[in-house]
Protein backbone atom coordinates (compact mmCIF):
# COMPACT_ATOMS: atom_id res chain seq x y z
CA MET A 1 49.34 58.04 -124.89
CA ARG A 2 52.95 58.23 -123.49
CA PHE A 3 54.44 57.82 -120.06
CA ILE A 4 57.63 59.53 -118.84
CA HIS A 5 59.67 59.47 -115.78
CA VAL A 6 62.15 62.51 -115.34
CA SER A 7 64.79 62.32 -112.60
CA ALA A 8 68.48 63.33 -112.21
CA ASP A 9 69.47 59.85 -113.11
CA ASN A 10 67.97 59.69 -116.64
CA ASN A 11 68.20 62.17 -119.11
CA ASN A 12 64.43 62.54 -120.11
CA ALA A 13 64.05 66.33 -119.42
CA PRO A 14 64.88 67.67 -122.54
CA VAL A 15 62.32 64.82 -123.96
CA LEU A 16 59.55 65.93 -121.77
CA ASN A 17 60.41 69.65 -122.77
CA ASN A 18 60.18 68.95 -126.38
CA LEU A 19 56.96 67.33 -125.70
CA MET A 20 55.32 69.90 -123.65
CA ASN A 21 55.32 72.60 -126.17
CA ASN A 22 53.21 70.75 -128.68
CA ASN A 23 51.22 68.52 -126.56
CA CYS A 24 48.99 67.97 -123.33
CA VAL A 25 50.62 66.86 -120.47
CA ALA A 26 49.59 65.79 -117.26
CA VAL A 27 52.68 66.31 -114.60
CA GLN A 28 53.14 64.87 -111.07
CA TYR A 29 55.98 66.70 -109.47
CA TYR A 30 57.27 64.55 -106.37
CA MET A 31 60.01 64.38 -103.84
CA ASP A 32 61.76 61.14 -102.72
CA GLY A 33 60.90 60.56 -98.90
CA CYS A 34 58.24 62.77 -99.11
CA HIS A 35 54.98 60.83 -96.98
CA TYR A 36 52.10 62.19 -99.29
CA CYS A 37 54.04 61.42 -102.47
CA ASN A 38 54.58 58.00 -101.25
CA LEU A 39 50.92 57.88 -100.44
CA LEU A 40 50.03 59.03 -103.92
CA LYS A 41 52.42 56.59 -105.75
CA PRO A 42 49.92 53.42 -105.94
CA HIS A 43 47.04 55.76 -107.14
CA TRP A 44 49.36 57.17 -109.97
CA ALA A 45 50.27 53.70 -110.80
CA LYS A 46 46.75 52.77 -110.84
CA MET A 47 45.70 55.75 -113.06
CA ASN A 48 48.67 54.99 -115.57
CA SER A 49 47.30 51.07 -115.83
CA ILE A 50 43.68 52.30 -116.29
CA LEU A 51 44.71 54.86 -118.67
CA LYS A 52 47.09 52.39 -120.80
CA ASN A 53 44.34 49.78 -120.99
CA GLN A 54 41.09 51.48 -121.00
CA TYR A 55 41.93 54.82 -122.63
CA GLN A 56 43.44 56.20 -125.83
CA GLY A 57 44.45 59.61 -126.86
CA ASP A 58 47.26 62.23 -127.23
CA ILE A 59 48.29 62.86 -123.88
CA ILE A 60 51.70 62.60 -122.17
CA VAL A 61 51.71 61.42 -118.52
CA ALA A 62 54.98 62.45 -116.47
CA ARG A 63 56.38 61.96 -113.24
CA VAL A 64 59.08 64.43 -112.49
CA ASN A 65 61.51 64.01 -109.38
CA ALA A 66 62.31 67.16 -107.28
CA ASN A 67 66.12 66.55 -107.84
CA ALA A 68 65.14 67.25 -111.79
CA VAL A 69 62.50 70.27 -111.58
CA SER A 70 64.96 72.64 -112.52
CA ASN A 71 65.71 71.00 -115.81
CA VAL A 72 62.01 70.82 -116.80
CA ASN A 73 59.98 73.62 -118.17
CA ASN A 74 57.01 75.11 -116.66
CA SER A 75 57.83 73.75 -113.33
CA THR A 76 57.80 77.23 -111.54
CA ASN A 77 55.76 77.98 -108.57
CA ILE A 78 55.60 74.40 -107.10
CA SER A 79 54.85 75.34 -103.37
CA GLY A 80 54.95 71.71 -102.10
CA TYR A 81 54.92 67.97 -103.33
CA PRO A 82 53.34 66.27 -104.72
CA THR A 83 51.79 68.90 -107.23
CA ILE A 84 49.88 67.50 -110.15
CA ARG A 85 49.44 69.70 -113.06
CA TYR A 86 47.83 69.53 -116.65
CA LEU A 87 49.51 71.63 -119.32
CA GLU A 88 48.62 72.19 -123.11
CA ASN A 89 51.02 73.58 -125.40
CA GLY A 90 53.52 74.32 -122.58
CA ASN A 91 50.50 76.42 -120.70
CA ASN A 92 49.60 75.48 -117.09
CA ILE A 93 45.59 74.71 -117.50
CA SER A 94 44.85 73.41 -114.22
CA GLU A 95 46.21 72.11 -110.86
CA PHE A 96 44.82 68.70 -109.24
CA ASN A 97 43.35 69.69 -105.78
CA ASP A 98 41.18 66.90 -105.25
CA GLU A 99 41.41 63.67 -103.05
CA ARG A 100 44.12 61.85 -104.49
CA ASN A 101 42.94 58.60 -106.06
CA ALA A 102 42.93 57.01 -109.55
CA GLU A 103 39.52 57.52 -110.20
CA ASN A 104 39.71 61.41 -109.38
CA LEU A 105 42.80 61.78 -111.28
CA ILE A 106 41.48 60.24 -114.43
CA ARG A 107 38.16 62.11 -113.89
CA TRP A 108 40.06 65.51 -113.52
CA LEU A 109 42.28 64.47 -116.70
CA SER A 110 39.36 64.08 -118.68
CA LYS A 111 37.56 66.85 -117.55
CA HIS A 112 40.67 69.15 -118.84
CA SER A 113 41.63 67.24 -121.93
CA LYS A 114 38.20 67.18 -123.33
CA HIS A 115 38.47 65.52 -126.90
CA LYS A 116 42.18 64.32 -126.20
CA LEU A 117 41.47 61.46 -123.95
CA GLN A 118 38.78 58.96 -124.87
CA LYS A 119 37.63 55.61 -123.29
CA ARG A 120 38.22 52.57 -125.72
CA LYS A 121 35.32 50.66 -127.06
CA HIS A 122 36.85 47.40 -126.13
CA ALA A 123 38.84 47.69 -122.79
CA LYS A 124 41.96 45.72 -122.85
CA THR A 125 41.08 43.63 -119.82
CA LYS A 126 42.14 40.11 -118.89
CA ARG A 127 38.91 38.84 -119.58
CA HIS A 128 38.62 40.93 -123.19
CA LYS A 129 42.24 39.27 -124.04
CA LYS A 130 40.97 35.75 -123.03
CA HIS A 131 37.81 36.23 -124.99
CA MET A 132 39.58 37.47 -127.96
CA LYS A 133 42.28 34.42 -127.90
CA GLY A 134 39.20 32.03 -127.81
CA GLY A 135 40.09 30.93 -124.36
CA SER A 136 36.52 31.10 -123.03
CA LYS A 137 35.56 27.81 -121.43
CA HIS A 138 32.05 28.47 -122.53
CA ARG A 139 32.90 29.28 -126.07
CA LYS A 140 35.16 26.01 -126.21
CA ARG A 141 32.32 23.80 -124.79
CA THR A 142 29.61 25.48 -127.20
CA ARG A 143 32.17 24.93 -130.16
CA ASN A 144 32.86 21.26 -129.09
CA ALA A 145 29.32 20.57 -128.90
CA SER A 146 28.32 21.97 -132.23
CA LYS A 147 31.19 19.68 -133.90
CA LYS A 148 29.82 16.64 -132.16
CA HIS A 149 26.19 17.66 -133.26
CA LYS A 150 27.13 18.02 -136.79
CA ARG A 151 28.96 14.53 -136.86
CA HIS A 152 26.01 12.89 -135.17
CA THR A 153 23.57 14.43 -137.89
CA LYS A 154 25.60 13.36 -140.81
CA ARG A 155 25.68 9.81 -139.53
CA ASN A 156 22.37 9.89 -139.19
CA LYS A 157 21.72 11.25 -142.68
CA ASN A 158 23.65 8.45 -143.86
CA ASN A 159 21.89 5.70 -142.27
């Protein structure tokens, strides 16, 4: 999974164009100052976070600013902002036309990407990370109690 932002300030348009030719890409075309684009921004960020932590796959997720649209391939026929499209190998497959929230975006992306996007078996949540580090209070208490029990039984055997 890769996340790319394209604007006139950075030189990511050629990178995105190259990736669009051989990959699955979800692209959000947006305009600075657009009310609806600003409403979508936190949902797009939440979607990115969920994808990064809970999914795996060969998908590119991109945001393209209106001032850089002319530098990006397959950005024709944009009638308004924000426009969200799913492309495979440079071909426009679908345009998002549902209520704009992270859950709907992920559902739409999963539907069109089919086998390219899969939910991880072990999501990288804070609780999971803490558990993997051995930071669980319950596990520590159990481990410590087990050690005390072993010491106690050894002493009783020796006596």
